[in-house]
N, C-alpha and C. Protein backbone atom coordinates (compact mmCIF):
# COMPACT_ATOMS: atom_id res chain seq x y z
N MET A 1 23.89 -5.93 -11.26
CA MET A 1 22.85 -5.33 -10.46
C MET A 1 21.62 -5.65 -11.16
N LYS A 2 20.31 -6.17 -10.50
CA LYS A 2 19.16 -6.35 -11.23
C LYS A 2 18.28 -5.05 -10.76
N TYR A 3 17.53 -4.63 -11.70
CA TYR A 3 16.40 -3.56 -11.31
C TYR A 3 15.20 -3.82 -12.04
N TYR A 4 14.02 -3.48 -11.22
CA TYR A 4 12.79 -3.77 -11.97
C TYR A 4 12.30 -2.49 -12.15
N VAL A 5 11.99 -2.15 -13.56
CA VAL A 5 11.64 -0.95 -13.94
C VAL A 5 10.17 -0.99 -14.46
N ARG A 6 9.39 0.09 -14.02
CA ARG A 6 7.94 0.29 -14.52
C ARG A 6 8.13 1.59 -15.25
N VAL A 7 7.70 1.38 -16.61
CA VAL A 7 7.46 2.74 -17.42
C VAL A 7 6.04 2.67 -17.80
N GLY A 8 5.08 3.46 -17.20
CA GLY A 8 3.77 3.64 -17.38
C GLY A 8 3.04 2.32 -16.82
N GLU A 9 2.44 1.49 -17.53
CA GLU A 9 1.97 0.22 -17.10
C GLU A 9 2.93 -0.93 -17.37
N ASP A 10 4.04 -0.72 -18.21
CA ASP A 10 4.81 -1.67 -18.46
C ASP A 10 6.19 -2.03 -17.49
N ASP A 11 6.10 -3.34 -17.13
CA ASP A 11 7.27 -3.69 -16.22
C ASP A 11 8.35 -4.39 -16.94
N HIS A 12 9.46 -4.21 -16.66
CA HIS A 12 10.94 -4.60 -17.38
C HIS A 12 11.71 -5.20 -16.24
N GLU A 13 12.58 -6.02 -16.55
CA GLU A 13 13.76 -6.34 -15.69
C GLU A 13 15.02 -5.94 -16.47
N VAL A 14 15.82 -5.21 -15.63
CA VAL A 14 17.05 -4.80 -16.26
C VAL A 14 18.08 -5.12 -15.52
N VAL A 15 19.08 -5.96 -16.17
CA VAL A 15 20.37 -6.43 -15.30
C VAL A 15 21.56 -5.53 -15.89
N LEU A 16 22.46 -5.05 -15.06
CA LEU A 16 23.55 -4.25 -15.39
C LEU A 16 24.73 -5.29 -14.91
N ASP A 17 25.64 -5.41 -16.03
CA ASP A 17 26.86 -6.09 -15.55
C ASP A 17 27.89 -5.38 -16.27
N GLY A 18 29.02 -5.97 -15.98
CA GLY A 18 30.37 -5.28 -16.77
C GLY A 18 30.28 -5.33 -18.22
N GLU A 19 29.68 -6.23 -18.91
CA GLU A 19 29.63 -6.33 -20.25
C GLU A 19 28.56 -5.38 -20.95
N GLY A 20 27.40 -5.14 -20.19
CA GLY A 20 26.39 -4.34 -20.84
C GLY A 20 25.20 -4.62 -20.08
N VAL A 21 24.08 -4.44 -20.72
CA VAL A 21 22.84 -4.55 -20.04
C VAL A 21 21.80 -5.55 -20.86
N GLN A 22 21.12 -6.29 -19.89
CA GLN A 22 20.04 -7.14 -20.32
C GLN A 22 18.80 -6.52 -20.08
N ILE A 23 17.80 -6.50 -21.02
CA ILE A 23 16.45 -5.78 -20.84
C ILE A 23 15.61 -6.94 -21.00
N ASP A 24 14.62 -7.48 -20.15
CA ASP A 24 13.93 -8.64 -20.17
C ASP A 24 14.40 -9.68 -20.84
N GLY A 25 15.75 -10.01 -20.45
CA GLY A 25 16.50 -11.33 -21.15
C GLY A 25 17.27 -10.94 -22.41
N THR A 26 17.20 -9.81 -23.00
CA THR A 26 17.96 -9.68 -24.11
C THR A 26 19.01 -8.63 -23.96
N ARG A 27 20.28 -9.32 -24.17
CA ARG A 27 21.26 -8.43 -24.11
C ARG A 27 21.45 -7.31 -25.12
N VAL A 28 21.89 -5.99 -24.70
CA VAL A 28 22.03 -4.86 -25.36
C VAL A 28 23.29 -4.47 -25.12
N VAL A 29 24.03 -3.57 -25.98
CA VAL A 29 25.05 -2.60 -25.50
C VAL A 29 24.79 -1.22 -25.37
N ALA A 30 24.73 -0.81 -24.21
CA ALA A 30 24.40 0.53 -23.72
C ALA A 30 25.41 1.27 -23.04
N SER A 31 25.19 2.57 -23.14
CA SER A 31 26.13 3.49 -22.42
C SER A 31 25.37 4.67 -22.08
N VAL A 32 25.83 5.50 -20.84
CA VAL A 32 25.37 6.99 -20.57
C VAL A 32 26.36 7.77 -20.48
N ALA A 33 26.38 9.02 -21.21
CA ALA A 33 27.41 9.82 -21.13
C ALA A 33 26.73 11.14 -20.89
N PRO A 34 27.36 12.23 -19.91
CA PRO A 34 26.86 13.46 -19.50
C PRO A 34 27.06 14.33 -20.83
N SER A 35 26.23 15.43 -20.85
CA SER A 35 26.40 16.42 -21.86
C SER A 35 26.90 17.51 -21.16
N ASP A 36 28.02 18.05 -21.39
CA ASP A 36 28.87 19.01 -20.44
C ASP A 36 28.02 20.24 -20.08
N GLY A 37 27.79 20.43 -18.85
CA GLY A 37 27.19 21.71 -18.29
C GLY A 37 25.69 21.73 -18.40
N THR A 38 25.02 20.57 -18.81
CA THR A 38 23.46 20.66 -18.82
C THR A 38 23.05 19.29 -18.13
N PRO A 39 21.79 19.26 -17.87
CA PRO A 39 21.16 18.13 -17.19
C PRO A 39 21.01 16.91 -18.10
N VAL A 40 21.38 17.17 -19.34
CA VAL A 40 20.94 16.29 -20.46
C VAL A 40 21.99 15.03 -20.27
N ARG A 41 21.46 13.84 -20.45
CA ARG A 41 22.30 12.66 -20.50
C ARG A 41 22.10 12.23 -22.01
N VAL A 42 23.25 11.65 -22.78
CA VAL A 42 23.19 10.95 -23.92
C VAL A 42 23.29 9.43 -23.52
N VAL A 43 22.15 8.92 -24.19
CA VAL A 43 22.04 7.36 -23.88
C VAL A 43 22.07 6.70 -25.05
N SER A 44 22.91 5.66 -25.34
CA SER A 44 23.02 4.88 -26.31
C SER A 44 22.46 3.53 -26.04
N ILE A 45 21.77 2.97 -26.83
CA ILE A 45 21.32 1.65 -26.74
C ILE A 45 21.36 0.73 -28.10
N GLY A 46 22.26 -0.12 -28.19
CA GLY A 46 22.70 -0.48 -29.43
C GLY A 46 23.11 0.52 -30.54
N SER A 47 22.51 0.73 -31.67
CA SER A 47 22.69 1.61 -32.59
C SER A 47 22.01 3.05 -32.42
N GLU A 48 21.00 3.04 -31.47
CA GLU A 48 20.13 4.20 -31.22
C GLU A 48 20.80 5.10 -30.17
N ILE A 49 20.67 6.43 -30.46
CA ILE A 49 21.16 7.40 -29.49
C ILE A 49 20.05 8.36 -28.96
N HIS A 50 19.89 8.55 -27.70
CA HIS A 50 18.80 9.43 -27.05
C HIS A 50 19.23 10.36 -26.24
N ARG A 51 18.47 11.57 -26.11
CA ARG A 51 18.91 12.65 -25.14
C ARG A 51 17.86 12.45 -23.95
N VAL A 52 18.40 12.31 -22.71
CA VAL A 52 17.42 12.11 -21.71
C VAL A 52 17.65 13.08 -20.46
N VAL A 53 16.65 13.64 -19.96
CA VAL A 53 16.71 14.42 -18.75
C VAL A 53 15.85 13.88 -17.69
N LEU A 54 16.53 13.52 -16.69
CA LEU A 54 15.88 12.82 -15.46
C LEU A 54 15.86 13.75 -14.17
N ARG A 55 14.62 13.55 -13.55
CA ARG A 55 14.15 14.29 -12.51
C ARG A 55 13.67 13.19 -11.30
N ARG A 56 14.17 13.39 -10.16
CA ARG A 56 13.90 12.31 -9.13
C ARG A 56 12.49 12.71 -8.76
N GLY A 57 11.64 11.81 -8.15
CA GLY A 57 10.36 11.90 -7.90
C GLY A 57 10.36 12.04 -6.27
N SER A 58 9.02 11.96 -5.81
CA SER A 58 9.06 12.17 -4.21
C SER A 58 9.11 10.92 -3.65
N GLN A 59 9.19 9.75 -4.20
CA GLN A 59 9.35 8.50 -3.50
C GLN A 59 10.50 7.70 -4.01
N ARG A 60 10.88 6.95 -3.23
CA ARG A 60 12.19 6.15 -3.52
C ARG A 60 11.98 5.26 -4.91
N GLY A 61 13.03 5.55 -5.89
CA GLY A 61 12.96 4.95 -7.02
C GLY A 61 11.85 5.49 -8.06
N ALA A 62 11.29 6.46 -7.67
CA ALA A 62 10.42 7.23 -8.87
C ALA A 62 11.23 8.28 -9.61
N TYR A 63 10.84 8.43 -10.81
CA TYR A 63 11.72 9.35 -11.80
C TYR A 63 10.64 9.81 -12.72
N THR A 64 10.87 11.05 -13.24
CA THR A 64 10.37 11.60 -14.43
C THR A 64 11.50 11.75 -15.58
N LEU A 65 11.10 11.03 -16.67
CA LEU A 65 12.22 11.12 -17.66
C LEU A 65 11.66 11.98 -18.88
N TRP A 66 12.43 12.82 -19.58
CA TRP A 66 12.24 13.27 -20.64
C TRP A 66 13.03 12.63 -21.73
N LEU A 67 12.43 11.98 -22.67
CA LEU A 67 13.42 11.15 -23.49
C LEU A 67 12.93 11.53 -25.13
N ASP A 68 13.87 12.41 -25.75
CA ASP A 68 13.51 12.83 -27.08
C ASP A 68 12.28 13.64 -27.13
N GLY A 69 11.94 14.44 -26.14
CA GLY A 69 10.88 15.42 -26.10
C GLY A 69 9.59 14.67 -25.58
N PHE A 70 9.57 13.48 -25.15
CA PHE A 70 8.61 12.75 -24.62
C PHE A 70 8.79 12.60 -23.04
N ARG A 71 7.78 12.93 -22.26
CA ARG A 71 7.60 12.62 -20.72
C ARG A 71 7.38 11.37 -20.48
N PHE A 72 7.99 10.41 -19.44
CA PHE A 72 7.54 9.38 -18.91
C PHE A 72 7.61 9.32 -17.33
N GLU A 73 6.74 8.78 -16.78
CA GLU A 73 6.84 8.43 -15.33
C GLU A 73 7.48 7.01 -15.01
N VAL A 74 8.68 6.90 -14.45
CA VAL A 74 9.10 5.80 -14.29
C VAL A 74 9.57 5.36 -12.82
N GLU A 75 9.64 4.22 -12.55
CA GLU A 75 9.99 3.75 -11.23
C GLU A 75 10.88 2.52 -11.42
N ALA A 76 11.98 2.61 -10.70
CA ALA A 76 13.04 1.74 -10.87
C ALA A 76 13.60 1.33 -9.43
N LEU A 77 13.37 0.01 -9.20
CA LEU A 77 13.85 -0.33 -7.76
C LEU A 77 14.84 -1.60 -8.06
N ASP A 78 15.90 -1.67 -7.12
CA ASP A 78 16.73 -2.88 -6.96
C ASP A 78 16.00 -3.95 -6.46
N GLU A 79 16.50 -5.15 -6.37
CA GLU A 79 15.82 -6.33 -5.75
C GLU A 79 15.32 -6.06 -4.24
N ARG A 80 16.46 -5.51 -3.50
CA ARG A 80 15.90 -5.28 -2.15
C ARG A 80 15.02 -4.35 -1.78
N ALA A 81 15.01 -3.00 -2.46
CA ALA A 81 13.94 -2.09 -2.40
C ALA A 81 12.56 -2.71 -2.72
N ARG A 82 12.51 -3.41 -3.82
CA ARG A 82 11.33 -4.16 -4.33
C ARG A 82 10.82 -4.99 -3.35
N ALA A 83 11.70 -5.94 -2.68
CA ALA A 83 11.13 -6.91 -1.76
C ALA A 83 10.63 -6.10 -0.58
N ILE A 84 11.35 -5.04 0.00
CA ILE A 84 11.01 -4.20 1.11
C ILE A 84 9.44 -3.75 0.75
N ARG A 85 9.24 -3.21 -0.47
CA ARG A 85 7.84 -2.51 -0.83
C ARG A 85 6.85 -3.42 -0.80
N GLU A 86 7.20 -4.82 -1.32
CA GLU A 86 6.20 -5.83 -1.29
C GLU A 86 5.85 -6.10 -0.11
N LEU A 87 6.77 -6.32 0.69
CA LEU A 87 6.51 -6.71 2.29
C LEU A 87 5.63 -5.83 2.95
N SER A 88 5.92 -4.28 2.78
CA SER A 88 5.11 -3.45 3.36
C SER A 88 3.69 -3.38 2.75
N ARG A 89 3.42 -3.61 1.53
CA ARG A 89 2.20 -3.62 0.92
C ARG A 89 1.37 -4.99 1.75
N THR A 90 1.96 -5.96 1.90
CA THR A 90 1.12 -7.07 2.40
C THR A 90 0.97 -6.93 3.84
N SER A 91 1.76 -6.34 4.65
CA SER A 91 1.51 -6.05 5.93
C SER A 91 0.84 -4.77 6.23
N ALA A 92 0.37 -4.10 5.33
CA ALA A 92 -0.13 -2.69 5.54
C ALA A 92 -1.47 -2.75 6.18
N ALA A 93 -1.93 -2.09 7.24
CA ALA A 93 -3.14 -2.20 7.79
C ALA A 93 -4.22 -1.88 6.93
N PRO A 94 -5.55 -2.46 7.09
CA PRO A 94 -6.62 -2.15 6.08
C PRO A 94 -7.02 -0.78 6.63
N THR A 95 -7.59 -0.24 5.62
CA THR A 95 -8.28 1.21 5.48
C THR A 95 -9.73 1.17 6.23
N GLY A 96 -10.14 2.28 6.57
CA GLY A 96 -11.56 2.49 6.97
C GLY A 96 -11.69 2.31 8.55
N PRO A 97 -12.95 2.37 9.27
CA PRO A 97 -13.04 2.28 10.46
C PRO A 97 -12.77 0.91 11.03
N ALA A 98 -12.15 0.80 12.14
CA ALA A 98 -11.91 -0.42 12.61
C ALA A 98 -13.20 -1.24 13.05
N PRO A 99 -13.05 -2.46 13.04
CA PRO A 99 -14.44 -3.20 13.60
C PRO A 99 -14.37 -3.25 15.05
N LEU A 100 -15.46 -3.48 15.70
CA LEU A 100 -15.63 -3.50 17.07
C LEU A 100 -15.43 -5.01 17.53
N VAL A 101 -14.31 -5.25 18.25
CA VAL A 101 -14.27 -6.73 18.77
C VAL A 101 -14.33 -6.70 20.33
N ALA A 102 -14.63 -7.78 20.81
CA ALA A 102 -14.66 -7.95 22.33
C ALA A 102 -13.40 -7.80 22.99
N PRO A 103 -13.15 -6.90 23.80
CA PRO A 103 -11.84 -6.49 24.72
C PRO A 103 -11.63 -7.87 25.62
N MET A 104 -12.66 -8.68 25.96
CA MET A 104 -12.50 -9.69 27.17
C MET A 104 -13.65 -10.60 26.81
N PRO A 105 -13.53 -11.81 27.40
CA PRO A 105 -14.56 -12.68 27.44
C PRO A 105 -15.92 -12.05 28.29
N GLY A 106 -16.94 -12.37 27.76
CA GLY A 106 -18.23 -11.83 28.47
C GLY A 106 -19.33 -12.11 27.83
N LEU A 107 -20.57 -11.65 28.37
CA LEU A 107 -21.81 -11.88 27.83
C LEU A 107 -22.32 -10.70 27.26
N ILE A 108 -22.96 -10.70 26.00
CA ILE A 108 -23.52 -9.49 25.25
C ILE A 108 -24.97 -9.22 26.04
N VAL A 109 -25.13 -7.84 26.53
CA VAL A 109 -26.22 -7.70 27.11
C VAL A 109 -27.29 -6.86 26.39
N ARG A 110 -26.71 -5.83 25.50
CA ARG A 110 -27.35 -5.14 24.66
C ARG A 110 -26.72 -4.63 23.47
N VAL A 111 -27.49 -4.61 22.32
CA VAL A 111 -26.83 -4.10 21.16
C VAL A 111 -27.72 -2.86 20.63
N ALA A 112 -26.90 -1.82 20.48
CA ALA A 112 -27.63 -0.35 20.31
C ALA A 112 -27.62 -0.08 18.84
N VAL A 113 -27.18 -0.93 18.20
CA VAL A 113 -27.25 -0.50 16.53
C VAL A 113 -27.60 -1.66 15.73
N LYS A 114 -28.01 -1.29 14.57
CA LYS A 114 -28.45 -2.13 13.24
C LYS A 114 -27.73 -1.85 12.25
N PRO A 115 -27.74 -2.91 11.19
CA PRO A 115 -27.01 -2.65 9.98
C PRO A 115 -27.62 -1.25 9.19
N GLY A 116 -26.86 -0.57 8.75
CA GLY A 116 -27.18 0.66 7.94
C GLY A 116 -27.15 1.87 8.83
N ASP A 117 -27.22 1.69 10.10
CA ASP A 117 -26.91 2.87 11.14
C ASP A 117 -25.81 3.85 10.87
N GLU A 118 -25.80 5.02 10.91
CA GLU A 118 -24.70 5.90 10.85
C GLU A 118 -24.04 6.18 12.23
N VAL A 119 -22.95 5.71 12.53
CA VAL A 119 -22.45 6.06 13.95
C VAL A 119 -21.19 7.05 13.96
N LYS A 120 -21.20 7.71 15.27
CA LYS A 120 -20.11 8.73 15.38
C LYS A 120 -18.90 7.91 16.37
N ALA A 121 -17.99 8.76 16.08
CA ALA A 121 -16.74 8.22 16.91
C ALA A 121 -17.03 8.46 18.47
N GLY A 122 -16.94 7.42 19.14
CA GLY A 122 -17.37 7.39 20.66
C GLY A 122 -18.91 7.17 21.02
N GLN A 123 -19.60 6.78 20.04
CA GLN A 123 -20.97 6.47 20.13
C GLN A 123 -20.98 4.84 20.70
N GLY A 124 -21.85 4.65 21.66
CA GLY A 124 -22.03 3.30 22.17
C GLY A 124 -22.58 2.29 21.26
N LEU A 125 -22.09 1.29 21.02
CA LEU A 125 -22.57 0.14 20.20
C LEU A 125 -23.06 -1.04 20.72
N VAL A 126 -22.30 -1.43 21.71
CA VAL A 126 -22.82 -2.79 22.36
C VAL A 126 -22.37 -2.63 23.89
N VAL A 127 -23.13 -3.26 24.60
CA VAL A 127 -22.94 -3.36 26.17
C VAL A 127 -22.59 -4.78 26.57
N MET A 128 -21.62 -5.11 27.06
CA MET A 128 -21.30 -6.56 27.58
C MET A 128 -20.99 -6.55 28.94
N GLU A 129 -21.30 -7.56 29.72
CA GLU A 129 -21.07 -8.00 30.88
C GLU A 129 -19.91 -8.76 31.08
N ALA A 130 -18.88 -8.44 31.91
CA ALA A 130 -17.67 -9.08 32.19
C ALA A 130 -17.26 -8.96 33.55
N MET A 131 -16.98 -10.13 34.27
CA MET A 131 -16.65 -9.95 35.69
C MET A 131 -17.84 -9.12 36.55
N LYS A 132 -18.96 -9.36 36.37
CA LYS A 132 -20.04 -8.83 37.04
C LYS A 132 -20.11 -7.35 36.89
N MET A 133 -19.68 -6.78 35.72
CA MET A 133 -19.51 -5.44 35.34
C MET A 133 -20.00 -5.13 33.97
N GLU A 134 -20.93 -4.24 33.90
CA GLU A 134 -21.50 -3.63 32.35
C GLU A 134 -20.13 -2.88 31.87
N ASN A 135 -19.88 -3.12 30.66
CA ASN A 135 -18.98 -2.32 29.87
C ASN A 135 -19.59 -1.91 28.50
N GLU A 136 -19.74 -0.66 28.29
CA GLU A 136 -20.15 -0.15 27.04
C GLU A 136 -18.98 0.02 26.02
N LEU A 137 -19.11 -0.61 24.98
CA LEU A 137 -18.19 -0.58 23.80
C LEU A 137 -18.56 0.36 22.89
N ARG A 138 -17.51 1.21 22.57
CA ARG A 138 -17.81 2.46 21.72
C ARG A 138 -16.98 2.40 20.30
N ALA A 139 -17.63 3.20 19.66
CA ALA A 139 -17.02 3.21 18.03
C ALA A 139 -15.77 3.98 18.07
N VAL A 140 -14.66 3.45 17.56
CA VAL A 140 -13.38 4.50 17.58
C VAL A 140 -13.30 5.37 16.63
N ALA A 141 -14.29 5.15 15.32
CA ALA A 141 -14.25 6.26 14.52
C ALA A 141 -15.65 6.30 13.96
N ALA A 142 -15.88 7.32 13.17
CA ALA A 142 -17.42 7.63 12.42
C ALA A 142 -17.48 6.41 11.14
N GLY A 143 -18.72 6.04 11.06
CA GLY A 143 -18.78 5.21 9.81
C GLY A 143 -20.25 4.71 9.71
N ARG A 144 -20.54 3.56 9.13
CA ARG A 144 -21.87 3.10 8.89
C ARG A 144 -21.75 1.65 9.28
N VAL A 145 -22.76 1.14 10.10
CA VAL A 145 -22.80 -0.08 10.60
C VAL A 145 -22.94 -1.20 9.24
N LYS A 146 -22.10 -1.96 9.08
CA LYS A 146 -22.11 -3.09 7.92
C LYS A 146 -22.93 -4.11 8.32
N VAL A 147 -22.50 -4.98 9.17
CA VAL A 147 -22.85 -6.17 9.79
C VAL A 147 -22.99 -6.16 11.51
N VAL A 148 -24.01 -6.64 12.08
CA VAL A 148 -23.89 -6.85 13.62
C VAL A 148 -23.90 -8.40 13.75
N HIS A 149 -22.80 -8.62 14.43
CA HIS A 149 -22.66 -10.28 14.68
C HIS A 149 -23.00 -10.44 16.31
N ALA A 150 -23.06 -9.41 17.00
CA ALA A 150 -23.41 -9.66 18.55
C ALA A 150 -24.78 -9.75 18.67
N GLN A 151 -25.45 -10.74 19.50
CA GLN A 151 -26.70 -10.89 19.81
C GLN A 151 -26.87 -10.95 21.29
N PRO A 152 -27.73 -10.17 21.93
CA PRO A 152 -28.06 -10.18 23.46
C PRO A 152 -28.13 -11.62 23.91
N GLY A 153 -27.60 -11.76 24.99
CA GLY A 153 -27.68 -13.03 25.70
C GLY A 153 -26.53 -14.12 25.32
N THR A 154 -25.54 -13.91 24.29
CA THR A 154 -24.64 -14.60 23.72
C THR A 154 -23.22 -14.35 24.57
N ALA A 155 -22.70 -15.40 24.86
CA ALA A 155 -21.30 -15.40 25.48
C ALA A 155 -20.35 -15.23 24.19
N VAL A 156 -19.38 -14.52 24.47
CA VAL A 156 -18.21 -14.23 23.58
C VAL A 156 -16.95 -14.23 24.18
N GLU A 157 -15.79 -14.88 23.24
CA GLU A 157 -14.62 -14.75 23.79
C GLU A 157 -14.17 -13.59 23.36
N LYS A 158 -12.68 -13.23 23.99
CA LYS A 158 -11.96 -11.95 23.53
C LYS A 158 -11.56 -12.18 22.17
N GLY A 159 -11.79 -10.97 21.57
CA GLY A 159 -11.12 -10.90 20.08
C GLY A 159 -12.52 -11.19 19.09
N ALA A 160 -13.49 -11.66 19.65
CA ALA A 160 -14.82 -12.01 18.77
C ALA A 160 -15.25 -10.69 18.17
N LEU A 161 -15.54 -10.87 16.81
CA LEU A 161 -16.02 -9.79 15.94
C LEU A 161 -17.46 -9.42 16.44
N LEU A 162 -17.69 -8.33 16.74
CA LEU A 162 -19.03 -7.86 17.27
C LEU A 162 -19.93 -7.06 16.16
N VAL A 163 -19.11 -6.10 15.72
CA VAL A 163 -19.74 -5.17 14.83
C VAL A 163 -18.76 -4.71 13.65
N GLU A 164 -19.18 -4.82 12.43
CA GLU A 164 -18.20 -4.31 11.42
C GLU A 164 -18.86 -3.07 10.78
N LEU A 165 -17.98 -2.20 10.61
CA LEU A 165 -18.30 -0.77 10.29
C LEU A 165 -17.59 -0.64 8.83
N GLU A 166 -18.27 0.39 7.96
CA GLU A 166 -17.80 0.52 6.60
C GLU A 166 -17.63 2.08 6.52
């Protein structure tokens, strides 16, 4: 079984098999044994012997280790859990106020904001005409206007970026 282990800022690849352990491609002989009646585990790696206490963290794969009196924050994930975490990071939605986009094709009638303006949630930003009706497009969250792409008299397609907020 392959694990990806992060200790502080250092990343390591650990492979467990029936013969021992490979750490970053180097094979070592290792074992873990409980210490009767205590949370301490005796870990031997090669000729070294260590006392380790492990406590699970709040997230999957997160642990706090006390090794010979020193504390380490550790993350250990198998290949599947690591792949899932990487996929969720790449598909995570951006943070911050959502940009204002055209909900339908239409003509920009009025722009009520300029770069640097502070806006409140629900405040009208742009008025556009679609199917002979004027629609006021409002901010979904509070923020500051970063860029205004909409210009009065301009025709826009559905999904066109009108105002960027920060």
